[in-house]
Amino acid sequence: MPLTSIVMLTRNGLDMTRRCVESVQRHTSEPVEWIAVDNGSTDGTLQFWNSTPGVKLIANEENKGFAAGTNQGMLQATGDYILLLNNDTIVTPNWLSALLAALHRDPSIGIVGPVSDNIAPIQRIPDAEWPSLENLDAYAAQRQKDLAGSGFYAHKLIGFCMLFHRSLLDRIGGFDERFFPGNFEDDDFSIRTRISGKNLWVAQDVFIHHAGQGTFLSNHIDYKRSSVDGAEKFREKWSVGLTPLEISCRGYNPSDIVAREPLFIPERHFVPFAGMPAQTK
């Protein structure tokens, strides 16, 4: 049976991480391997990972950021599929099987993501529908029944939960590490996927909870400042005719960028993995 590599980054936020891992263990029947990349936690998160069976741990002494940490984890992945999952999420019954089914439904699909609550509008369910934590499983199960197999092509996906074939990395490379510490690296990854000829899919029948900005809050990082900084780097890379503040607060149209880039040019669009030595469990 195909193996899925779950890559999860942590930097403190132990309670969130424990809650997420327990939900995955409770609701996942498919074969998975855990790859945890810790960016210098000091709150017991390392001890938690070391005490969790079957986890391949990459322990960085300092915060390498989301893109570099994700690249470290993906380089260690041995699965047929890679699943990037934020530690401030809670998954629900049949989440992975439904995401895998969506990925297989159309060979043109490069990345699949679920719907959620605290997330950007492209993948957010209506505010009035947001379930309580106690009702997550029931809400997700009913949604999966009512919307089985439904979804839509998206102009971008949010990096809190992304599933794709491992071969996508051979096609477009890894995450662009210029987007440190985080923000807009998932936009960039989505856009390069589309330029390479693959589509993005939102599986409307898969709901997972997302607390939102969990790592930023846990580490007292100014999310808005980080978002504007990331937007400036994104604007420079893709020549977006908006200010960083406009990009961060009002958004932009990813399809405009894709339309300007009709061919995937490796020298421009492929992001090679950097050598990043780290301690491993």
C-alpha atoms as a PDB file:
ATOM      1  CA  MET A   1       0.000   0.000   0.000  1.00  0.00           C
ATOM      2  CA  PRO A   2       1.410   3.454  -0.868  1.00  0.00           C
ATOM      3  CA  LEU A   3       3.120   5.386   1.920  1.00  0.00           C
ATOM      4  CA  THR A   4       2.393   9.007   2.821  1.00  0.00           C
ATOM      5  CA  SER A   5       5.121  11.079   4.468  1.00  0.00           C
ATOM      6  CA  ILE A   6       3.675  13.606   6.922  1.00  0.00           C
ATOM      7  CA  VAL A   7       6.027  16.557   7.339  1.00  0.00           C
ATOM      8  CA  MET A   8       5.332  18.769  10.337  1.00  0.00           C
ATOM      9  CA  LEU A   9       7.280  21.788  11.573  1.00  0.00           C
ATOM     10  CA  THR A  10       7.322  22.884  15.191  1.00  0.00           C
ATOM     11  CA  ARG A  11       8.726  25.771  17.154  1.00  0.00           C
ATOM     12  CA  ASN A  12       7.200  25.580  20.630  1.00  0.00           C
ATOM     13  CA  GLY A  13       3.402  25.268  20.888  1.00  0.00           C
ATOM     14  CA  LEU A  14       3.611  21.850  22.552  1.00  0.00           C
ATOM     15  CA  ASP A  15      -0.094  21.635  23.450  1.00  0.00           C
ATOM     16  CA  MET A  16      -1.119  22.335  19.841  1.00  0.00           C
ATOM     17  CA  THR A  17       1.347  19.782  18.513  1.00  0.00           C
ATOM     18  CA  ARG A  18       0.202  17.076  20.919  1.00  0.00           C
ATOM     19  CA  ARG A  19      -3.438  17.705  20.043  1.00  0.00           C
ATOM     20  CA  CYS A  20      -2.714  17.553  16.318  1.00  0.00           C
ATOM     21  CA  VAL A  21      -0.643  14.372  16.524  1.00  0.00           C
ATOM     22  CA  GLU A  22      -3.313  12.662  18.625  1.00  0.00           C
ATOM     23  CA  SER A  23      -5.946  13.539  16.019  1.00  0.00           C
ATOM     24  CA  VAL A  24      -3.814  12.095  13.224  1.00  0.00           C
ATOM     25  CA  GLN A  25      -3.213   8.919  15.193  1.00  0.00           C
ATOM     26  CA  ARG A  26      -6.939   8.637  15.910  1.00  0.00           C
ATOM     27  CA  HIS A  27      -8.204   9.275  12.388  1.00  0.00           C
ATOM     28  CA  THR A  28      -5.593   7.833  10.012  1.00  0.00           C
ATOM     29  CA  SER A  29      -5.654   4.230   8.831  1.00  0.00           C
ATOM     30  CA  GLU A  30      -3.351   4.614   5.807  1.00  0.00           C
ATOM     31  CA  PRO A  31       0.383   3.848   6.116  1.00  0.00           C
ATOM     32  CA  VAL A  32       2.255   7.017   7.083  1.00  0.00           C
ATOM     33  CA  GLU A  33       5.715   8.024   8.189  1.00  0.00           C
ATOM     34  CA  TRP A  34       6.205  10.977  10.522  1.00  0.00           C
ATOM     35  CA  ILE A  35       8.914  13.524   9.820  1.00  0.00           C
ATOM     36  CA  ALA A  36       9.096  16.243  12.452  1.00  0.00           C
ATOM     37  CA  VAL A  37      11.291  19.285  11.910  1.00  0.00           C
ATOM     38  CA  ASP A  38      11.808  21.313  15.057  1.00  0.00           C
ATOM     39  CA  ASN A  39      13.095  24.869  14.761  1.00  0.00           C
ATOM     40  CA  GLY A  40      14.632  25.359  18.186  1.00  0.00           C
ATOM     41  CA  SER A  41      11.780  24.644  20.602  1.00  0.00           C
ATOM     42  CA  THR A  42      12.376  25.247  24.304  1.00  0.00           C
ATOM     43  CA  ASP A  43       9.015  24.160  25.769  1.00  0.00           C
ATOM     44  CA  GLY A  44       9.311  20.372  25.835  1.00  0.00           C
ATOM     45  CA  THR A  45       8.398  19.822  22.184  1.00  0.00           C
ATOM     46  CA  LEU A  46      11.682  17.995  21.509  1.00  0.00           C
ATOM     47  CA  GLN A  47      11.026  15.640  24.405  1.00  0.00           C
ATOM     48  CA  PHE A  48       7.544  15.017  23.042  1.00  0.00           C
ATOM     49  CA  TRP A  49       8.881  14.085  19.606  1.00  0.00           C
ATOM     50  CA  ASN A  50      11.580  11.880  21.106  1.00  0.00           C
ATOM     51  CA  SER A  51       8.958  10.000  23.108  1.00  0.00           C
ATOM     52  CA  THR A  52       6.623   9.519  20.119  1.00  0.00           C
ATOM     53  CA  PRO A  53       7.288   6.157  18.421  1.00  0.00           C
ATOM     54  CA  GLY A  54       8.158   6.064  14.748  1.00  0.00           C
ATOM     55  CA  VAL A  55       9.002   9.742  14.353  1.00  0.00           C
ATOM     56  CA  LYS A  56      11.979  10.805  12.278  1.00  0.00           C
ATOM     57  CA  LEU A  57      13.104  13.997  14.013  1.00  0.00           C
ATOM     58  CA  ILE A  58      15.228  16.775  12.570  1.00  0.00           C
ATOM     59  CA  ALA A  59      16.257  19.039  15.453  1.00  0.00           C
ATOM     60  CA  ASN A  60      17.522  22.449  14.420  1.00  0.00           C
ATOM     61  CA  GLU A  61      19.252  24.497  17.088  1.00  0.00           C
ATOM     62  CA  GLU A  62      17.822  27.706  15.623  1.00  0.00           C
ATOM     63  CA  ASN A  63      14.736  28.790  13.719  1.00  0.00           C
ATOM     64  CA  LYS A  64      15.362  28.079  10.037  1.00  0.00           C
ATOM     65  CA  GLY A  65      11.891  29.246   9.058  1.00  0.00           C
ATOM     66  CA  PHE A  66       8.998  27.428   7.419  1.00  0.00           C
ATOM     67  CA  ALA A  67      10.440  27.053   3.922  1.00  0.00           C
ATOM     68  CA  ALA A  68      13.871  25.747   4.932  1.00  0.00           C
ATOM     69  CA  GLY A  69      12.414  23.482   7.603  1.00  0.00           C
ATOM     70  CA  THR A  70       9.871  22.065   5.173  1.00  0.00           C
ATOM     71  CA  ASN A  71      12.632  21.409   2.660  1.00  0.00           C
ATOM     72  CA  GLN A  72      14.610  19.546   5.296  1.00  0.00           C
ATOM     73  CA  GLY A  73      11.612  17.362   6.042  1.00  0.00           C
ATOM     74  CA  MET A  74      10.752  16.690   2.417  1.00  0.00           C
ATOM     75  CA  LEU A  75      14.328  15.627   1.697  1.00  0.00           C
ATOM     76  CA  GLN A  76      13.942  12.929   4.365  1.00  0.00           C
ATOM     77  CA  ALA A  77      10.586  11.719   3.041  1.00  0.00           C
ATOM     78  CA  THR A  78      10.458   8.236   1.543  1.00  0.00           C
ATOM     79  CA  GLY A  79       6.712   8.062   0.835  1.00  0.00           C
ATOM     80  CA  ASP A  80       4.934   8.022  -2.499  1.00  0.00           C
ATOM     81  CA  TYR A  81       3.066  11.111  -1.290  1.00  0.00           C
ATOM     82  CA  ILE A  82       4.069  14.069   0.859  1.00  0.00           C
ATOM     83  CA  LEU A  83       1.590  15.694   3.224  1.00  0.00           C
ATOM     84  CA  LEU A  84       2.565  19.040   4.726  1.00  0.00           C
ATOM     85  CA  LEU A  85       0.580  19.610   7.913  1.00  0.00           C
ATOM     86  CA  ASN A  86       0.732  22.526  10.357  1.00  0.00           C
ATOM     87  CA  ASN A  87       0.898  21.660  14.023  1.00  0.00           C
ATOM     88  CA  ASP A  88      -2.031  23.997  14.812  1.00  0.00           C
ATOM     89  CA  THR A  89      -4.508  21.749  13.005  1.00  0.00           C
ATOM     90  CA  ILE A  90      -6.882  18.997  14.103  1.00  0.00           C
ATOM     91  CA  VAL A  91      -7.724  16.401  11.477  1.00  0.00           C
ATOM     92  CA  THR A  92     -11.037  14.544  11.225  1.00  0.00           C
ATOM     93  CA  PRO A  93     -12.255  11.059  10.208  1.00  0.00           C
ATOM     94  CA  ASN A  94     -11.180   9.811   6.766  1.00  0.00           C
ATOM     95  CA  TRP A  95      -9.271  13.030   6.093  1.00  0.00           C
ATOM     96  CA  LEU A  96      -6.266  11.430   4.413  1.00  0.00           C
ATOM     97  CA  SER A  97      -8.198   8.838   2.415  1.00  0.00           C
ATOM     98  CA  ALA A  98     -10.421  11.576   0.991  1.00  0.00           C
ATOM     99  CA  LEU A  99      -7.447  13.806   0.126  1.00  0.00           C
ATOM    100  CA  LEU A 100      -5.734  10.893  -1.605  1.00  0.00           C
ATOM    101  CA  ALA A 101      -8.916  10.114  -3.531  1.00  0.00           C
ATOM    102  CA  ALA A 102      -9.054  13.714  -4.722  1.00  0.00           C
ATOM    103  CA  LEU A 103      -5.414  13.605  -5.837  1.00  0.00           C
ATOM    104  CA  HIS A 104      -6.111  10.457  -7.865  1.00  0.00           C
ATOM    105  CA  ARG A 105      -9.345  11.718  -9.362  1.00  0.00           C
ATOM    106  CA  ASP A 106      -7.649  13.816 -12.030  1.00  0.00           C
ATOM    107  CA  PRO A 107      -4.057  13.299 -13.260  1.00  0.00           C
ATOM    108  CA  SER A 108      -3.752  17.032 -13.914  1.00  0.00           C
ATOM    109  CA  ILE A 109      -3.991  17.803 -10.186  1.00  0.00           C
ATOM    110  CA  GLY A 110      -0.656  18.640  -8.595  1.00  0.00           C
ATOM    111  CA  ILE A 111      -1.664  19.577  -5.047  1.00  0.00           C
ATOM    112  CA  VAL A 112      -4.802  18.975  -2.976  1.00  0.00           C
ATOM    113  CA  GLY A 113      -5.889  20.911   0.102  1.00  0.00           C
ATOM    114  CA  PRO A 114      -8.946  20.680   2.409  1.00  0.00           C
ATOM    115  CA  VAL A 115     -11.386  23.330   3.594  1.00  0.00           C
ATOM    116  CA  SER A 116     -11.080  24.780   7.077  1.00  0.00           C
ATOM    117  CA  ASP A 117     -12.221  27.534   9.422  1.00  0.00           C
ATOM    118  CA  ASN A 118      -9.386  29.937  10.339  1.00  0.00           C
ATOM    119  CA  ILE A 119      -7.900  30.192   6.876  1.00  0.00           C
ATOM    120  CA  ALA A 120      -7.805  32.486   3.846  1.00  0.00           C
ATOM    121  CA  PRO A 121     -11.107  32.807   1.938  1.00  0.00           C
ATOM    122  CA  ILE A 122     -10.129  30.435  -0.898  1.00  0.00           C
ATOM    123  CA  GLN A 123     -10.427  27.445   1.489  1.00  0.00           C
ATOM    124  CA  ARG A 124     -12.608  28.836   4.275  1.00  0.00           C
ATOM    125  CA  ILE A 125     -16.069  27.547   5.065  1.00  0.00           C
ATOM    126  CA  PRO A 126     -18.730  30.172   5.896  1.00  0.00           C
ATOM    127  CA  ASP A 127     -18.221  31.659   9.350  1.00  0.00           C
ATOM    128  CA  ALA A 128     -21.728  30.615  10.384  1.00  0.00           C
ATOM    129  CA  GLU A 129     -20.790  26.957   9.841  1.00  0.00           C
ATOM    130  CA  TRP A 130     -17.690  26.900  12.029  1.00  0.00           C
ATOM    131  CA  PRO A 131     -18.078  23.901  14.349  1.00  0.00           C
ATOM    132  CA  SER A 132     -17.009  23.833  17.961  1.00  0.00           C
ATOM    133  CA  LEU A 133     -13.994  21.692  18.824  1.00  0.00           C
ATOM    134  CA  GLU A 134     -16.364  19.160  20.373  1.00  0.00           C
ATOM    135  CA  ASN A 135     -18.320  18.885  17.122  1.00  0.00           C
ATOM    136  CA  LEU A 136     -15.448  18.728  14.615  1.00  0.00           C
ATOM    137  CA  ASP A 137     -15.762  15.033  13.833  1.00  0.00           C
ATOM    138  CA  ALA A 138     -19.526  15.104  13.420  1.00  0.00           C
ATOM    139  CA  TYR A 139     -19.388  18.200  11.211  1.00  0.00           C
ATOM    140  CA  ALA A 140     -16.621  16.735   9.038  1.00  0.00           C
ATOM    141  CA  ALA A 141     -18.390  13.378   8.690  1.00  0.00           C
ATOM    142  CA  GLN A 142     -21.636  15.032   7.604  1.00  0.00           C
ATOM    143  CA  ARG A 143     -19.794  17.262   5.163  1.00  0.00           C
ATOM    144  CA  GLN A 144     -18.003  14.275   3.673  1.00  0.00           C
ATOM    145  CA  LYS A 145     -21.327  12.517   3.204  1.00  0.00           C
ATOM    146  CA  ASP A 146     -23.100  15.506   1.662  1.00  0.00           C
ATOM    147  CA  LEU A 147     -20.227  16.647  -0.575  1.00  0.00           C
ATOM    148  CA  ALA A 148     -18.502  13.369  -1.412  1.00  0.00           C
ATOM    149  CA  GLY A 149     -16.019  13.881  -4.230  1.00  0.00           C
ATOM    150  CA  SER A 150     -16.796  17.563  -4.718  1.00  0.00           C
ATOM    151  CA  GLY A 151     -14.252  20.328  -4.999  1.00  0.00           C
ATOM    152  CA  PHE A 152     -12.912  23.001  -7.294  1.00  0.00           C
ATOM    153  CA  TYR A 153      -9.753  24.164  -9.032  1.00  0.00           C
ATOM    154  CA  ALA A 154      -8.071  26.940  -7.069  1.00  0.00           C
ATOM    155  CA  HIS A 155      -5.749  29.752  -8.069  1.00  0.00           C
ATOM    156  CA  LYS A 156      -3.604  29.011  -4.994  1.00  0.00           C
ATOM    157  CA  LEU A 157      -3.578  26.800  -1.900  1.00  0.00           C
ATOM    158  CA  ILE A 158      -2.667  27.585   1.694  1.00  0.00           C
ATOM    159  CA  GLY A 159       0.263  25.659   3.126  1.00  0.00           C
ATOM    160  CA  PHE A 160      -1.421  24.548   6.366  1.00  0.00           C
ATOM    161  CA  CYS A 161      -2.306  21.218   4.718  1.00  0.00           C
ATOM    162  CA  MET A 162      -1.015  20.209   1.277  1.00  0.00           C
ATOM    163  CA  LEU A 163      -0.926  16.755  -0.290  1.00  0.00           C
ATOM    164  CA  PHE A 164       1.012  15.964  -3.453  1.00  0.00           C
ATOM    165  CA  HIS A 165       2.928  13.247  -5.253  1.00  0.00           C
ATOM    166  CA  ARG A 166       6.579  13.119  -4.248  1.00  0.00           C
ATOM    167  CA  SER A 167       7.393  13.495  -7.950  1.00  0.00           C
ATOM    168  CA  LEU A 168       6.168  17.111  -7.827  1.00  0.00           C
ATOM    169  CA  LEU A 169       9.470  17.998  -6.149  1.00  0.00           C
ATOM    170  CA  ASP A 170      11.357  16.660  -9.167  1.00  0.00           C
ATOM    171  CA  ARG A 171       9.153  18.844 -11.316  1.00  0.00           C
ATOM    172  CA  ILE A 172       9.328  22.208  -9.483  1.00  0.00           C
ATOM    173  CA  GLY A 173      11.824  21.831  -6.636  1.00  0.00           C
ATOM    174  CA  GLY A 174      11.256  22.765  -3.012  1.00  0.00           C
ATOM    175  CA  PHE A 175      10.039  25.793  -1.087  1.00  0.00           C
ATOM    176  CA  ASP A 176      11.800  29.095  -1.743  1.00  0.00           C
ATOM    177  CA  GLU A 177      13.792  29.911   1.381  1.00  0.00           C
ATOM    178  CA  ARG A 178      13.896  33.634   0.714  1.00  0.00           C
ATOM    179  CA  PHE A 179      10.474  33.769   2.426  1.00  0.00           C
ATOM    180  CA  PHE A 180      11.880  33.689   5.965  1.00  0.00           C
ATOM    181  CA  PRO A 181      10.531  33.130   8.580  1.00  0.00           C
ATOM    182  CA  GLY A 182       7.193  32.444   6.874  1.00  0.00           C
ATOM    183  CA  ASN A 183       4.423  33.807   4.629  1.00  0.00           C
ATOM    184  CA  PHE A 184       4.113  33.599   0.844  1.00  0.00           C
ATOM    185  CA  GLU A 185       6.280  30.506   0.427  1.00  0.00           C
ATOM    186  CA  ASP A 186       3.048  28.536  -0.110  1.00  0.00           C
ATOM    187  CA  ASP A 187       1.832  31.115  -2.651  1.00  0.00           C
ATOM    188  CA  ASP A 188       5.119  30.709  -4.489  1.00  0.00           C
ATOM    189  CA  PHE A 189       4.925  26.894  -4.384  1.00  0.00           C
ATOM    190  CA  SER A 190       1.344  26.996  -5.694  1.00  0.00           C
ATOM    191  CA  ILE A 191       2.227  29.331  -8.544  1.00  0.00           C
ATOM    192  CA  ARG A 192       5.220  27.266  -9.639  1.00  0.00           C
ATOM    193  CA  THR A 193       3.038  24.159  -9.575  1.00  0.00           C
ATOM    194  CA  ARG A 194       0.558  25.815 -11.931  1.00  0.00           C
ATOM    195  CA  ILE A 195       3.264  27.145 -14.235  1.00  0.00           C
ATOM    196  CA  SER A 196       4.588  23.577 -14.505  1.00  0.00           C
ATOM    197  CA  GLY A 197       1.228  22.525 -15.951  1.00  0.00           C
ATOM    198  CA  LYS A 198      -0.398  21.070 -12.837  1.00  0.00           C
ATOM    199  CA  ASN A 199      -3.652  22.201 -11.217  1.00  0.00           C
ATOM    200  CA  LEU A 200      -4.561  22.917  -7.604  1.00  0.00           C
ATOM    201  CA  TRP A 201      -7.641  21.349  -6.048  1.00  0.00           C
ATOM    202  CA  VAL A 202      -9.684  22.210  -2.964  1.00  0.00           C
ATOM    203  CA  ALA A 203     -11.459  19.093  -1.664  1.00  0.00           C
ATOM    204  CA  GLN A 204     -14.728  20.431  -0.318  1.00  0.00           C
ATOM    205  CA  ASP A 205     -15.535  17.095   1.294  1.00  0.00           C
ATOM    206  CA  VAL A 206     -12.497  17.269   3.609  1.00  0.00           C
ATOM    207  CA  PHE A 207     -12.647  19.577   6.631  1.00  0.00           C
ATOM    208  CA  ILE A 208      -9.879  19.977   9.180  1.00  0.00           C
ATOM    209  CA  HIS A 209      -9.664  22.554  11.945  1.00  0.00           C
ATOM    210  CA  HIS A 210      -6.955  25.210  11.777  1.00  0.00           C
ATOM    211  CA  ALA A 211      -6.267  27.415  14.781  1.00  0.00           C
ATOM    212  CA  GLY A 212      -4.396  29.891  12.594  1.00  0.00           C
ATOM    213  CA  GLN A 213      -1.053  31.662  13.168  1.00  0.00           C
ATOM    214  CA  GLY A 214      -0.246  29.124  15.854  1.00  0.00           C
ATOM    215  CA  THR A 215       3.536  29.273  15.596  1.00  0.00           C
ATOM    216  CA  PHE A 216       3.553  33.051  15.314  1.00  0.00           C
ATOM    217  CA  LEU A 217       1.437  33.382  18.465  1.00  0.00           C
ATOM    218  CA  SER A 218       3.405  30.738  20.390  1.00  0.00           C
ATOM    219  CA  ASN A 219       6.654  32.563  19.699  1.00  0.00           C
ATOM    220  CA  HIS A 220       5.354  36.149  20.015  1.00  0.00           C
ATOM    221  CA  ILE A 221       6.110  36.958  16.369  1.00  0.00           C
ATOM    222  CA  ASP A 222       4.279  39.860  14.750  1.00  0.00           C
ATOM    223  CA  TYR A 223       2.287  38.058  12.051  1.00  0.00           C
ATOM    224  CA  LYS A 224       1.226  41.226  10.231  1.00  0.00           C
ATOM    225  CA  ARG A 225       4.806  42.507  10.054  1.00  0.00           C
ATOM    226  CA  SER A 226       6.023  39.134   8.834  1.00  0.00           C
ATOM    227  CA  SER A 227       3.262  39.032   6.222  1.00  0.00           C
ATOM    228  CA  VAL A 228       4.203  42.447   4.830  1.00  0.00           C
ATOM    229  CA  ASP A 229       7.893  41.456   4.767  1.00  0.00           C
ATOM    230  CA  GLY A 230       6.998  38.280   2.883  1.00  0.00           C
ATOM    231  CA  ALA A 231       4.811  40.253   0.497  1.00  0.00           C
ATOM    232  CA  GLU A 232       7.752  42.511  -0.365  1.00  0.00           C
ATOM    233  CA  LYS A 233       9.893  39.490  -1.288  1.00  0.00           C
ATOM    234  CA  PHE A 234       6.996  38.016  -3.243  1.00  0.00           C
ATOM    235  CA  ARG A 235       6.425  41.306  -5.106  1.00  0.00           C
ATOM    236  CA  GLU A 236      10.083  41.477  -6.078  1.00  0.00           C
ATOM    237  CA  LYS A 237      10.267  37.881  -7.260  1.00  0.00           C
ATOM    238  CA  TRP A 238       7.085  37.911  -9.364  1.00  0.00           C
ATOM    239  CA  SER A 239       6.992  41.598 -10.369  1.00  0.00           C
ATOM    240  CA  VAL A 240       3.564  42.170  -8.859  1.00  0.00           C
ATOM    241  CA  GLY A 241       2.359  45.729  -9.492  1.00  0.00           C
ATOM    242  CA  LEU A 242       1.051  46.292  -5.975  1.00  0.00           C
ATOM    243  CA  THR A 243       2.607  47.514  -2.747  1.00  0.00           C
ATOM    244  CA  PRO A 244       3.557  44.906  -0.108  1.00  0.00           C
ATOM    245  CA  LEU A 245       0.774  46.235   2.131  1.00  0.00           C
ATOM    246  CA  GLU A 246      -1.790  45.840  -0.663  1.00  0.00           C
ATOM    247  CA  ILE A 247      -0.611  42.307  -1.381  1.00  0.00           C
ATOM    248  CA  SER A 248      -0.683  41.370   2.295  1.00  0.00           C
ATOM    249  CA  CYS A 249      -4.012  42.973   3.206  1.00  0.00           C
ATOM    250  CA  ARG A 250      -6.052  42.955   0.002  1.00  0.00           C
ATOM    251  CA  GLY A 251      -4.491  40.104  -1.925  1.00  0.00           C
ATOM    252  CA  TYR A 252      -3.535  39.734  -5.576  1.00  0.00           C
ATOM    253  CA  ASN A 253      -4.511  37.505  -8.490  1.00  0.00           C
ATOM    254  CA  PRO A 254      -2.184  34.492  -8.819  1.00  0.00           C
ATOM    255  CA  SER A 255      -3.637  33.737 -12.255  1.00  0.00           C
ATOM    256  CA  ASP A 256      -2.205  37.012 -13.554  1.00  0.00           C
ATOM    257  CA  ILE A 257       1.266  35.756 -12.692  1.00  0.00           C
ATOM    258  CA  VAL A 258       0.649  32.322 -14.192  1.00  0.00           C
ATOM    259  CA  ALA A 259      -0.654  33.908 -17.405  1.00  0.00           C
ATOM    260  CA  ARG A 260       2.607  35.853 -17.762  1.00  0.00           C
ATOM    261  CA  GLU A 261       4.670  32.678 -17.382  1.00  0.00           C
ATOM    262  CA  PRO A 262       3.456  30.338 -20.165  1.00  0.00           C
ATOM    263  CA  LEU A 263       6.475  28.031 -19.951  1.00  0.00           C
ATOM    264  CA  PHE A 264       8.211  26.439 -16.987  1.00  0.00           C
ATOM    265  CA  ILE A 265      11.820  27.593 -17.241  1.00  0.00           C
ATOM    266  CA  PRO A 266      14.001  25.630 -14.800  1.00  0.00           C
ATOM    267  CA  GLU A 267      16.486  28.473 -14.344  1.00  0.00           C
ATOM    268  CA  ARG A 268      13.658  30.753 -13.259  1.00  0.00           C
ATOM    269  CA  HIS A 269      11.024  28.514 -11.724  1.00  0.00           C
ATOM    270  CA  PHE A 270      12.782  25.462 -10.266  1.00  0.00           C
ATOM    271  CA  VAL A 271      13.936  25.918  -6.654  1.00  0.00           C
ATOM    272  CA  PRO A 272      16.774  23.516  -5.792  1.00  0.00           C
ATOM    273  CA  PHE A 273      17.133  22.157  -2.282  1.00  0.00           C
ATOM    274  CA  ALA A 274      19.925  23.719  -0.251  1.00  0.00           C
ATOM    275  CA  GLY A 275      22.240  21.597   1.844  1.00  0.00           C
ATOM    276  CA  MET A 276      21.041  21.969   5.419  1.00  0.00           C
ATOM    277  CA  PRO A 277      22.884  19.834   7.972  1.00  0.00           C
ATOM    278  CA  ALA A 278      20.937  19.138  11.144  1.00  0.00           C
ATOM    279  CA  GLN A 279      20.803  16.803  14.079  1.00  0.00           C
ATOM    280  CA  THR A 280      18.586  13.789  13.453  1.00  0.00           C
ATOM    281  CA  LYS A 281      16.951  11.342  15.822  1.00  0.00           C
END
